[in-house]
Amino acid sequence: MSSFRIKSFAMIFLLAVTVFVILGCGGDTPKSGGNNEQAERSAQAEEKANAVRGKTFDDAESEQAENGEQTVVFKSPDGKALLTFKKYADHDKIALNDNGTMRVFKGRSNKPGNFKYKETAADNSEKQLIAEVKRKSDSFKLFDDSDKLLWKVKINEDKVKISDNEENKNAFEIVKSSPERCKIRDRKAKNIGDVKFYPDNGKLKVKNEQNEEMIITKGSKNVAAPGVVLFSEIPLELRAIIINELLRE
């Protein structure tokens, strides 16, 4: 075999080896990179899925959403939603479980310090006026559609008084006994229950005089507002409106 042929054969062999090595290394690199990117995307997707699965109803009871909505839900001890309060930029919304029937009310401000609450029909149209609220710095009043006083709510630093007269005679009372607790009293100043915030689990509970839990939330630390639920002489929808107004405090 001539030296020319030997040299040609050697050059061809070296060229083939070089191409094989380049192609082999080049093919491994993007494959490995693609697998890494795919694995990273999968991990991120799994992380998001775990976050969604781990988010309980309690975690979502009170949150400030991007659209400005704020929600507070009061539940029964068995976990059923009894009262839901939502605040939007242009109105408040109350969803009330009235013995298994869901009722919805919307409160809109027609002028500073005034709110008109109307019940909402199934087609989302607003029905008759339930109450008009007129607020002052230390109190607010509920009026019917003929401008008759329904309830007056007087707010002091340590006490809330609710009466059906201007003089606050024979008033229901919610009295703060500590920053995390209020006593609930009927018109005869008899204790009928209390409201307490539990820092260890973030829950706010209303209990009656038999120490039975009535309503629970993790969406508020306002120890006065939910106490209104025990004043059974006040119509349920008006109790809901009073609670919503006290949640502004």
C-alpha atoms as a PDB file:
ATOM      1  CA  MET A   1       0.000   0.000   0.000  1.00  0.00           C
ATOM      2  CA  SER A   2       1.435   3.356  -0.967  1.00  0.00           C
ATOM      3  CA  SER A   3       2.239   5.969   1.624  1.00  0.00           C
ATOM      4  CA  PHE A   4      -0.291   8.272  -0.015  1.00  0.00           C
ATOM      5  CA  ARG A   5      -3.072   5.788   0.555  1.00  0.00           C
ATOM      6  CA  ILE A   6      -2.013   5.191   4.145  1.00  0.00           C
ATOM      7  CA  LYS A   7      -1.997   8.917   4.861  1.00  0.00           C
ATOM      8  CA  SER A   8      -5.417   9.328   3.192  1.00  0.00           C
ATOM      9  CA  PHE A   9      -6.882   6.481   5.180  1.00  0.00           C
ATOM     10  CA  ALA A  10      -5.489   7.898   8.421  1.00  0.00           C
ATOM     11  CA  MET A  11      -6.912  11.347   7.705  1.00  0.00           C
ATOM     12  CA  ILE A  12     -10.336   9.898   6.898  1.00  0.00           C
ATOM     13  CA  PHE A  13     -10.294   7.826  10.082  1.00  0.00           C
ATOM     14  CA  LEU A  14      -9.310  10.820  12.235  1.00  0.00           C
ATOM     15  CA  LEU A  15     -11.965  12.967  10.595  1.00  0.00           C
ATOM     16  CA  ALA A  16     -14.644  10.348  11.262  1.00  0.00           C
ATOM     17  CA  VAL A  17     -13.627  10.064  14.931  1.00  0.00           C
ATOM     18  CA  THR A  18     -13.676  13.863  15.311  1.00  0.00           C
ATOM     19  CA  VAL A  19     -17.162  14.136  13.779  1.00  0.00           C
ATOM     20  CA  PHE A  20     -18.408  11.321  16.006  1.00  0.00           C
ATOM     21  CA  VAL A  21     -17.076  12.996  19.147  1.00  0.00           C
ATOM     22  CA  ILE A  22     -18.465  16.425  18.208  1.00  0.00           C
ATOM     23  CA  LEU A  23     -21.880  15.089  17.332  1.00  0.00           C
ATOM     24  CA  GLY A  24     -21.974  12.919  20.409  1.00  0.00           C
ATOM     25  CA  CYS A  25     -21.046  15.710  22.806  1.00  0.00           C
ATOM     26  CA  GLY A  26     -23.242  18.237  21.029  1.00  0.00           C
ATOM     27  CA  GLY A  27     -26.248  15.929  21.202  1.00  0.00           C
ATOM     28  CA  ASP A  28     -25.857  15.277  24.906  1.00  0.00           C
ATOM     29  CA  THR A  29     -25.717  18.920  25.908  1.00  0.00           C
ATOM     30  CA  PRO A  30     -29.126  20.165  24.733  1.00  0.00           C
ATOM     31  CA  LYS A  31     -30.766  16.936  25.852  1.00  0.00           C
ATOM     32  CA  SER A  32     -29.398  17.360  29.334  1.00  0.00           C
ATOM     33  CA  GLY A  33     -30.340  21.053  29.409  1.00  0.00           C
ATOM     34  CA  GLY A  34     -33.860  20.302  28.192  1.00  0.00           C
ATOM     35  CA  ASN A  35     -34.319  17.717  30.921  1.00  0.00           C
ATOM     36  CA  ASN A  36     -33.162  20.188  33.557  1.00  0.00           C
ATOM     37  CA  GLU A  37     -35.579  22.868  32.348  1.00  0.00           C
ATOM     38  CA  GLN A  38     -38.435  20.394  32.179  1.00  0.00           C
ATOM     39  CA  ALA A  39     -37.643  19.118  35.672  1.00  0.00           C
ATOM     40  CA  GLU A  40     -37.566  22.685  36.977  1.00  0.00           C
ATOM     41  CA  ARG A  41     -40.941  23.469  35.384  1.00  0.00           C
ATOM     42  CA  SER A  42     -42.398  20.269  36.830  1.00  0.00           C
ATOM     43  CA  ALA A  43     -41.095  21.151  40.283  1.00  0.00           C
ATOM     44  CA  GLN A  44     -42.606  24.634  40.067  1.00  0.00           C
ATOM     45  CA  ALA A  45     -45.946  23.226  38.935  1.00  0.00           C
ATOM     46  CA  GLU A  46     -45.927  20.713  41.784  1.00  0.00           C
ATOM     47  CA  GLU A  47     -45.075  23.470  44.262  1.00  0.00           C
ATOM     48  CA  LYS A  48     -48.021  25.545  43.065  1.00  0.00           C
ATOM     49  CA  ALA A  49     -50.335  22.543  43.211  1.00  0.00           C
ATOM     50  CA  ASN A  50     -49.228  21.780  46.757  1.00  0.00           C
ATOM     51  CA  ALA A  51     -49.817  25.405  47.743  1.00  0.00           C
ATOM     52  CA  VAL A  52     -53.361  25.270  46.368  1.00  0.00           C
ATOM     53  CA  ARG A  53     -54.066  21.941  48.043  1.00  0.00           C
ATOM     54  CA  GLY A  54     -52.652  23.237  51.316  1.00  0.00           C
ATOM     55  CA  LYS A  55     -54.774  26.408  51.342  1.00  0.00           C
ATOM     56  CA  THR A  56     -57.748  25.747  53.581  1.00  0.00           C
ATOM     57  CA  PHE A  57     -61.030  27.607  53.868  1.00  0.00           C
ATOM     58  CA  ASP A  58     -59.797  29.107  57.144  1.00  0.00           C
ATOM     59  CA  ASP A  59     -56.726  30.551  55.397  1.00  0.00           C
ATOM     60  CA  ALA A  60     -58.966  32.304  52.860  1.00  0.00           C
ATOM     61  CA  GLU A  61     -61.575  33.686  55.242  1.00  0.00           C
ATOM     62  CA  SER A  62     -60.048  37.130  55.378  1.00  0.00           C
ATOM     63  CA  GLU A  63     -57.867  38.279  52.509  1.00  0.00           C
ATOM     64  CA  GLN A  64     -57.190  41.394  50.525  1.00  0.00           C
ATOM     65  CA  ALA A  65     -57.603  40.432  46.871  1.00  0.00           C
ATOM     66  CA  GLU A  66     -56.218  42.307  43.899  1.00  0.00           C
ATOM     67  CA  ASN A  67     -59.616  43.839  43.163  1.00  0.00           C
ATOM     68  CA  GLY A  68     -59.825  45.324  46.653  1.00  0.00           C
ATOM     69  CA  GLU A  69     -62.309  42.789  47.981  1.00  0.00           C
ATOM     70  CA  GLN A  70     -62.095  41.963  51.676  1.00  0.00           C
ATOM     71  CA  THR A  71     -64.010  39.028  53.138  1.00  0.00           C
ATOM     72  CA  VAL A  72     -64.911  37.971  56.686  1.00  0.00           C
ATOM     73  CA  VAL A  73     -66.839  34.732  57.214  1.00  0.00           C
ATOM     74  CA  PHE A  74     -68.571  33.687  60.434  1.00  0.00           C
ATOM     75  CA  LYS A  75     -69.251  29.970  60.670  1.00  0.00           C
ATOM     76  CA  SER A  76     -71.166  27.602  62.913  1.00  0.00           C
ATOM     77  CA  PRO A  77     -69.182  25.150  65.079  1.00  0.00           C
ATOM     78  CA  ASP A  78     -69.764  22.437  62.432  1.00  0.00           C
ATOM     79  CA  GLY A  79     -68.194  24.621  59.743  1.00  0.00           C
ATOM     80  CA  LYS A  80     -71.255  25.989  57.917  1.00  0.00           C
ATOM     81  CA  ALA A  81     -71.031  29.605  56.738  1.00  0.00           C
ATOM     82  CA  LEU A  82     -73.647  31.647  58.594  1.00  0.00           C
ATOM     83  CA  LEU A  83     -72.622  35.216  57.819  1.00  0.00           C
ATOM     84  CA  THR A  84     -70.309  36.453  55.084  1.00  0.00           C
ATOM     85  CA  PHE A  85     -69.255  40.083  54.812  1.00  0.00           C
ATOM     86  CA  LYS A  86     -67.523  41.389  51.684  1.00  0.00           C
ATOM     87  CA  LYS A  87     -66.339  44.935  51.133  1.00  0.00           C
ATOM     88  CA  TYR A  88     -65.873  46.219  47.594  1.00  0.00           C
ATOM     89  CA  ALA A  89     -64.833  49.651  46.369  1.00  0.00           C
ATOM     90  CA  ASP A  90     -68.424  50.775  45.731  1.00  0.00           C
ATOM     91  CA  HIS A  91     -70.557  48.632  48.054  1.00  0.00           C
ATOM     92  CA  ASP A  92     -70.709  46.127  50.891  1.00  0.00           C
ATOM     93  CA  LYS A  93     -72.269  42.699  50.483  1.00  0.00           C
ATOM     94  CA  ILE A  94     -73.767  40.523  53.236  1.00  0.00           C
ATOM     95  CA  ALA A  95     -74.700  36.881  52.691  1.00  0.00           C
ATOM     96  CA  LEU A  96     -76.917  35.537  55.476  1.00  0.00           C
ATOM     97  CA  ASN A  97     -77.877  31.919  56.108  1.00  0.00           C
ATOM     98  CA  ASP A  98     -81.415  32.330  57.453  1.00  0.00           C
ATOM     99  CA  ASN A  99     -82.408  28.832  58.621  1.00  0.00           C
ATOM    100  CA  GLY A 100     -81.055  27.279  55.439  1.00  0.00           C
ATOM    101  CA  THR A 101     -82.231  30.051  53.092  1.00  0.00           C
ATOM    102  CA  MET A 102     -79.480  32.223  51.653  1.00  0.00           C
ATOM    103  CA  ARG A 103     -80.299  35.928  51.704  1.00  0.00           C
ATOM    104  CA  VAL A 104     -78.077  38.621  50.217  1.00  0.00           C
ATOM    105  CA  PHE A 105     -77.968  42.316  51.080  1.00  0.00           C
ATOM    106  CA  LYS A 106     -76.001  45.129  49.510  1.00  0.00           C
ATOM    107  CA  GLY A 107     -75.102  48.350  51.254  1.00  0.00           C
ATOM    108  CA  ARG A 108     -74.297  51.433  49.186  1.00  0.00           C
ATOM    109  CA  SER A 109     -73.342  54.902  50.308  1.00  0.00           C
ATOM    110  CA  ASN A 110     -75.504  57.673  48.865  1.00  0.00           C
ATOM    111  CA  LYS A 111     -73.579  60.353  50.783  1.00  0.00           C
ATOM    112  CA  PRO A 112     -70.753  60.429  53.332  1.00  0.00           C
ATOM    113  CA  GLY A 113     -71.725  58.542  56.490  1.00  0.00           C
ATOM    114  CA  ASN A 114     -74.938  57.095  54.999  1.00  0.00           C
ATOM    115  CA  PHE A 115     -75.500  53.569  53.726  1.00  0.00           C
ATOM    116  CA  LYS A 116     -78.652  52.070  52.264  1.00  0.00           C
ATOM    117  CA  TYR A 117     -79.029  48.304  52.590  1.00  0.00           C
ATOM    118  CA  LYS A 118     -81.291  46.520  50.131  1.00  0.00           C
ATOM    119  CA  GLU A 119     -82.036  42.825  49.749  1.00  0.00           C
ATOM    120  CA  THR A 120     -80.877  41.306  46.466  1.00  0.00           C
ATOM    121  CA  ALA A 121     -83.099  39.046  44.381  1.00  0.00           C
ATOM    122  CA  ALA A 122     -81.973  35.878  42.582  1.00  0.00           C
ATOM    123  CA  ASP A 123     -81.454  37.833  39.352  1.00  0.00           C
ATOM    124  CA  ASN A 124     -79.081  40.167  41.271  1.00  0.00           C
ATOM    125  CA  SER A 125     -81.538  43.081  41.171  1.00  0.00           C
ATOM    126  CA  GLU A 126     -81.968  44.964  44.441  1.00  0.00           C
ATOM    127  CA  LYS A 127     -85.309  44.691  46.196  1.00  0.00           C
ATOM    128  CA  GLN A 128     -86.844  46.830  48.925  1.00  0.00           C
ATOM    129  CA  LEU A 129     -84.868  48.871  51.416  1.00  0.00           C
ATOM    130  CA  ILE A 130     -84.090  46.918  54.597  1.00  0.00           C
ATOM    131  CA  ALA A 131     -82.490  49.783  56.500  1.00  0.00           C
ATOM    132  CA  GLU A 132     -80.672  53.043  56.045  1.00  0.00           C
ATOM    133  CA  VAL A 133     -77.661  53.659  58.262  1.00  0.00           C
ATOM    134  CA  LYS A 134     -76.683  57.179  59.285  1.00  0.00           C
ATOM    135  CA  ARG A 135     -73.332  57.427  61.000  1.00  0.00           C
ATOM    136  CA  LYS A 136     -71.722  59.930  63.351  1.00  0.00           C
ATOM    137  CA  SER A 137     -68.289  59.841  64.931  1.00  0.00           C
ATOM    138  CA  ASP A 138     -69.415  57.898  68.016  1.00  0.00           C
ATOM    139  CA  SER A 139     -72.660  56.255  66.912  1.00  0.00           C
ATOM    140  CA  PHE A 140     -74.868  55.151  64.049  1.00  0.00           C
ATOM    141  CA  LYS A 141     -78.599  54.649  63.619  1.00  0.00           C
ATOM    142  CA  LEU A 142     -80.748  52.333  61.538  1.00  0.00           C
ATOM    143  CA  PHE A 143     -83.909  53.725  59.937  1.00  0.00           C
ATOM    144  CA  ASP A 144     -86.679  52.072  57.935  1.00  0.00           C
ATOM    145  CA  ASP A 145     -87.989  53.310  54.560  1.00  0.00           C
ATOM    146  CA  SER A 146     -90.236  55.862  56.301  1.00  0.00           C
ATOM    147  CA  ASP A 147     -87.265  57.305  58.240  1.00  0.00           C
ATOM    148  CA  LYS A 148     -88.422  55.760  61.524  1.00  0.00           C
ATOM    149  CA  LEU A 149     -85.686  54.911  64.017  1.00  0.00           C
ATOM    150  CA  LEU A 150     -85.167  51.169  64.304  1.00  0.00           C
ATOM    151  CA  TRP A 151     -81.974  50.892  66.384  1.00  0.00           C
ATOM    152  CA  LYS A 152     -79.349  53.239  67.744  1.00  0.00           C
ATOM    153  CA  VAL A 153     -75.805  51.985  68.297  1.00  0.00           C
ATOM    154  CA  LYS A 154     -73.670  54.027  70.667  1.00  0.00           C
ATOM    155  CA  ILE A 155     -69.934  53.290  70.586  1.00  0.00           C
ATOM    156  CA  ASN A 156     -67.597  54.092  73.477  1.00  0.00           C
ATOM    157  CA  GLU A 157     -64.032  52.969  74.009  1.00  0.00           C
ATOM    158  CA  ASP A 158     -65.005  50.013  76.200  1.00  0.00           C
ATOM    159  CA  LYS A 159     -68.713  49.569  75.466  1.00  0.00           C
ATOM    160  CA  VAL A 160     -71.253  49.265  72.676  1.00  0.00           C
ATOM    161  CA  LYS A 161     -74.895  50.021  73.512  1.00  0.00           C
ATOM    162  CA  ILE A 162     -77.790  49.107  71.212  1.00  0.00           C
ATOM    163  CA  SER A 163     -81.283  50.423  71.859  1.00  0.00           C
ATOM    164  CA  ASP A 164     -84.531  51.176  70.042  1.00  0.00           C
ATOM    165  CA  ASN A 165     -84.689  54.754  71.365  1.00  0.00           C
ATOM    166  CA  GLU A 166     -82.663  57.967  71.160  1.00  0.00           C
ATOM    167  CA  GLU A 167     -81.878  57.971  74.891  1.00  0.00           C
ATOM    168  CA  ASN A 168     -80.272  54.513  74.856  1.00  0.00           C
ATOM    169  CA  LYS A 169     -82.649  53.318  77.567  1.00  0.00           C
ATOM    170  CA  ASN A 170     -82.894  49.562  78.212  1.00  0.00           C
ATOM    171  CA  ALA A 171     -79.989  48.977  75.878  1.00  0.00           C
ATOM    172  CA  PHE A 172     -78.233  45.778  74.970  1.00  0.00           C
ATOM    173  CA  GLU A 173     -74.542  46.018  75.850  1.00  0.00           C
ATOM    174  CA  ILE A 174     -71.263  44.588  74.662  1.00  0.00           C
ATOM    175  CA  VAL A 175     -68.649  45.447  77.285  1.00  0.00           C
ATOM    176  CA  LYS A 176     -64.914  45.008  76.741  1.00  0.00           C
ATOM    177  CA  SER A 177     -63.324  43.256  79.722  1.00  0.00           C
ATOM    178  CA  SER A 178     -59.877  42.962  78.088  1.00  0.00           C
ATOM    179  CA  PRO A 179     -58.347  43.708  74.673  1.00  0.00           C
ATOM    180  CA  GLU A 180     -59.254  40.162  73.617  1.00  0.00           C
ATOM    181  CA  ARG A 181     -62.638  39.665  75.289  1.00  0.00           C
ATOM    182  CA  CYS A 182     -66.112  41.208  75.602  1.00  0.00           C
ATOM    183  CA  LYS A 183     -69.088  40.402  77.797  1.00  0.00           C
ATOM    184  CA  ILE A 184     -72.545  40.355  76.168  1.00  0.00           C
ATOM    185  CA  ARG A 185     -75.458  41.645  78.259  1.00  0.00           C
ATOM    186  CA  ASP A 186     -79.197  41.787  77.653  1.00  0.00           C
ATOM    187  CA  ARG A 187     -81.484  44.752  78.397  1.00  0.00           C
ATOM    188  CA  LYS A 188     -81.516  43.878  82.099  1.00  0.00           C
ATOM    189  CA  ALA A 189     -77.704  43.947  82.262  1.00  0.00           C
ATOM    190  CA  LYS A 190     -77.594  40.163  82.598  1.00  0.00           C
ATOM    191  CA  ASN A 191     -74.629  38.367  81.024  1.00  0.00           C
ATOM    192  CA  ILE A 192     -75.817  36.159  78.175  1.00  0.00           C
ATOM    193  CA  GLY A 193     -72.439  35.233  76.676  1.00  0.00           C
ATOM    194  CA  ASP A 194     -69.088  36.547  75.572  1.00  0.00           C
ATOM    195  CA  VAL A 195     -66.785  37.102  72.612  1.00  0.00           C
ATOM    196  CA  LYS A 196     -63.156  36.054  72.857  1.00  0.00           C
ATOM    197  CA  PHE A 197     -60.163  36.163  70.535  1.00  0.00           C
ATOM    198  CA  TYR A 198     -57.737  33.237  70.859  1.00  0.00           C
ATOM    199  CA  PRO A 199     -54.206  34.302  69.820  1.00  0.00           C
ATOM    200  CA  ASP A 200     -52.915  30.721  69.761  1.00  0.00           C
ATOM    201  CA  ASN A 201     -55.096  29.752  66.775  1.00  0.00           C
ATOM    202  CA  GLY A 202     -56.306  33.150  65.531  1.00  0.00           C
ATOM    203  CA  LYS A 203     -59.968  32.307  66.069  1.00  0.00           C
ATOM    204  CA  LEU A 204     -62.683  34.627  67.339  1.00  0.00           C
ATOM    205  CA  LYS A 205     -65.569  32.869  69.072  1.00  0.00           C
ATOM    206  CA  VAL A 206     -68.982  33.887  70.386  1.00  0.00           C
ATOM    207  CA  LYS A 207     -70.272  31.699  73.209  1.00  0.00           C
ATOM    208  CA  ASN A 208     -73.631  31.832  74.992  1.00  0.00           C
ATOM    209  CA  GLU A 209     -74.146  31.732  78.741  1.00  0.00           C
ATOM    210  CA  GLN A 210     -73.987  27.903  78.648  1.00  0.00           C
ATOM    211  CA  ASN A 211     -70.480  28.235  77.142  1.00  0.00           C
ATOM    212  CA  GLU A 212     -71.702  26.796  73.829  1.00  0.00           C
ATOM    213  CA  GLU A 213     -69.955  28.065  70.699  1.00  0.00           C
ATOM    214  CA  MET A 214     -72.359  29.994  68.471  1.00  0.00           C
ATOM    215  CA  ILE A 215     -70.232  31.502  65.692  1.00  0.00           C
ATOM    216  CA  ILE A 216     -66.527  31.367  64.851  1.00  0.00           C
ATOM    217  CA  THR A 217     -64.232  33.265  62.507  1.00  0.00           C
ATOM    218  CA  LYS A 218     -60.550  33.593  61.692  1.00  0.00           C
ATOM    219  CA  GLY A 219     -61.121  36.698  59.629  1.00  0.00           C
ATOM    220  CA  SER A 220     -61.402  39.381  62.305  1.00  0.00           C
ATOM    221  CA  LYS A 221     -60.078  40.497  65.668  1.00  0.00           C
ATOM    222  CA  ASN A 222     -63.028  42.807  66.333  1.00  0.00           C
ATOM    223  CA  VAL A 223     -64.211  41.426  69.665  1.00  0.00           C
ATOM    224  CA  ALA A 224     -67.355  43.575  69.833  1.00  0.00           C
ATOM    225  CA  ALA A 225     -69.078  43.196  66.456  1.00  0.00           C
ATOM    226  CA  PRO A 226     -70.036  39.481  66.480  1.00  0.00           C
ATOM    227  CA  GLY A 227     -71.554  39.735  69.958  1.00  0.00           C
ATOM    228  CA  VAL A 228     -74.629  41.279  68.345  1.00  0.00           C
ATOM    229  CA  VAL A 229     -75.627  37.814  67.109  1.00  0.00           C
ATOM    230  CA  LEU A 230     -76.904  36.908  70.604  1.00  0.00           C
ATOM    231  CA  PHE A 231     -79.471  39.745  70.665  1.00  0.00           C
ATOM    232  CA  SER A 232     -82.364  37.654  69.369  1.00  0.00           C
ATOM    233  CA  GLU A 233     -84.911  40.462  69.862  1.00  0.00           C
ATOM    234  CA  ILE A 234     -83.305  42.291  66.951  1.00  0.00           C
ATOM    235  CA  PRO A 235     -84.358  40.865  63.543  1.00  0.00           C
ATOM    236  CA  LEU A 236     -81.620  38.719  62.058  1.00  0.00           C
ATOM    237  CA  GLU A 237     -81.060  40.880  58.967  1.00  0.00           C
ATOM    238  CA  LEU A 238     -80.692  43.983  61.148  1.00  0.00           C
ATOM    239  CA  ARG A 239     -78.228  42.180  63.415  1.00  0.00           C
ATOM    240  CA  ALA A 240     -76.188  41.397  60.299  1.00  0.00           C
ATOM    241  CA  ILE A 241     -76.210  45.058  59.242  1.00  0.00           C
ATOM    242  CA  ILE A 242     -75.179  46.211  62.725  1.00  0.00           C
ATOM    243  CA  ILE A 243     -72.299  43.702  62.733  1.00  0.00           C
ATOM    244  CA  ASN A 244     -71.177  44.926  59.311  1.00  0.00           C
ATOM    245  CA  GLU A 245     -71.169  48.535  60.517  1.00  0.00           C
ATOM    246  CA  LEU A 246     -69.256  47.630  63.680  1.00  0.00           C
ATOM    247  CA  LEU A 247     -66.646  45.890  61.532  1.00  0.00           C
ATOM    248  CA  ARG A 248     -65.811  49.358  60.128  1.00  0.00           C
ATOM    249  CA  GLU A 249     -64.538  50.392  63.554  1.00  0.00           C
END
